[in-house]
Amino acid sequence: MSRFDLFFVLVDECNEVLDYAIARKIADLHSNIEDAMERVYSREEVLRYSTLEQQTKRSP
């Protein structure tokens, strides 16, 4: 350790329900479950945006 090292103290309140929910979410994300991630935009919205972006893209 030197005088330039930083130390951070993390305090975790014991909450079994919240800890389980977080662990379940992480496990679902890593097991490639399709519904694990909440989709912000639908596939159609992304495709529509991409098409619009390509049409309005200015050339250099």
Protein backbone atom coordinates (compact mmCIF):
# COMPACT_ATOMS: atom_id res chain seq x y z
CA MET A 1 0.00 0.00 0.00
CA SER A 2 1.13 3.49 -0.73
CA ARG A 3 -0.23 6.92 0.04
CA PHE A 4 -1.91 6.89 -3.38
CA ASP A 5 -4.03 3.81 -2.71
CA LEU A 6 -7.73 4.38 -2.14
CA PHE A 7 -9.89 2.21 0.07
CA PHE A 8 -13.66 2.08 -0.04
CA VAL A 9 -15.87 0.56 2.60
CA LEU A 10 -19.02 -1.11 1.29
CA VAL A 11 -21.87 -1.61 3.71
CA ASP A 12 -24.61 -4.07 2.80
CA GLU A 13 -27.84 -4.19 4.75
CA CYS A 14 -29.00 -7.78 5.20
CA ASN A 15 -32.14 -8.26 3.11
CA GLU A 16 -32.75 -11.83 1.99
CA VAL A 17 -35.58 -10.95 -0.40
CA LEU A 18 -33.62 -8.25 -2.22
CA ASP A 19 -30.44 -10.35 -2.31
CA TYR A 20 -32.37 -13.28 -3.81
CA ALA A 21 -34.00 -11.04 -6.44
CA ILE A 22 -30.62 -9.62 -7.49
CA ALA A 23 -29.02 -13.08 -7.62
CA ARG A 24 -31.94 -14.45 -9.66
CA LYS A 25 -31.67 -11.58 -12.16
CA ILE A 26 -27.92 -12.12 -12.60
CA ALA A 27 -28.34 -15.89 -12.97
CA ASP A 28 -31.09 -15.40 -15.57
CA LEU A 29 -28.95 -12.97 -17.57
CA HIS A 30 -26.02 -15.39 -17.65
CA SER A 31 -28.15 -18.40 -18.56
CA ASN A 32 -29.34 -16.70 -21.78
CA ILE A 33 -33.01 -16.68 -20.83
CA GLU A 34 -34.68 -14.44 -23.42
CA ASP A 35 -37.12 -12.84 -20.98
CA ALA A 36 -34.38 -12.00 -18.47
CA MET A 37 -33.71 -8.61 -20.03
CA GLU A 38 -36.48 -6.10 -20.19
CA ARG A 39 -36.69 -4.71 -23.69
CA VAL A 40 -36.92 -0.96 -23.91
CA TYR A 41 -37.69 -0.87 -27.64
CA SER A 42 -39.44 -3.43 -29.77
CA ARG A 43 -37.68 -5.01 -32.74
CA GLU A 44 -39.90 -3.04 -35.12
CA GLU A 45 -39.01 0.26 -33.44
CA VAL A 46 -35.29 -0.46 -33.73
CA LEU A 47 -35.62 -1.42 -37.40
CA ARG A 48 -37.71 1.69 -38.13
CA TYR A 49 -35.14 3.90 -36.39
CA SER A 50 -32.27 2.24 -38.27
CA THR A 51 -34.01 2.77 -41.60
CA LEU A 52 -34.73 6.41 -40.80
CA GLU A 53 -31.14 6.96 -39.67
CA GLN A 54 -29.77 5.49 -42.90
CA GLN A 55 -32.07 7.68 -44.99
CA THR A 56 -31.10 10.88 -43.19
CA LYS A 57 -27.39 10.14 -42.84
CA ARG A 58 -25.31 12.88 -44.42
CA SER A 59 -22.31 11.97 -46.51
CA PRO A 60 -18.97 13.51 -45.54
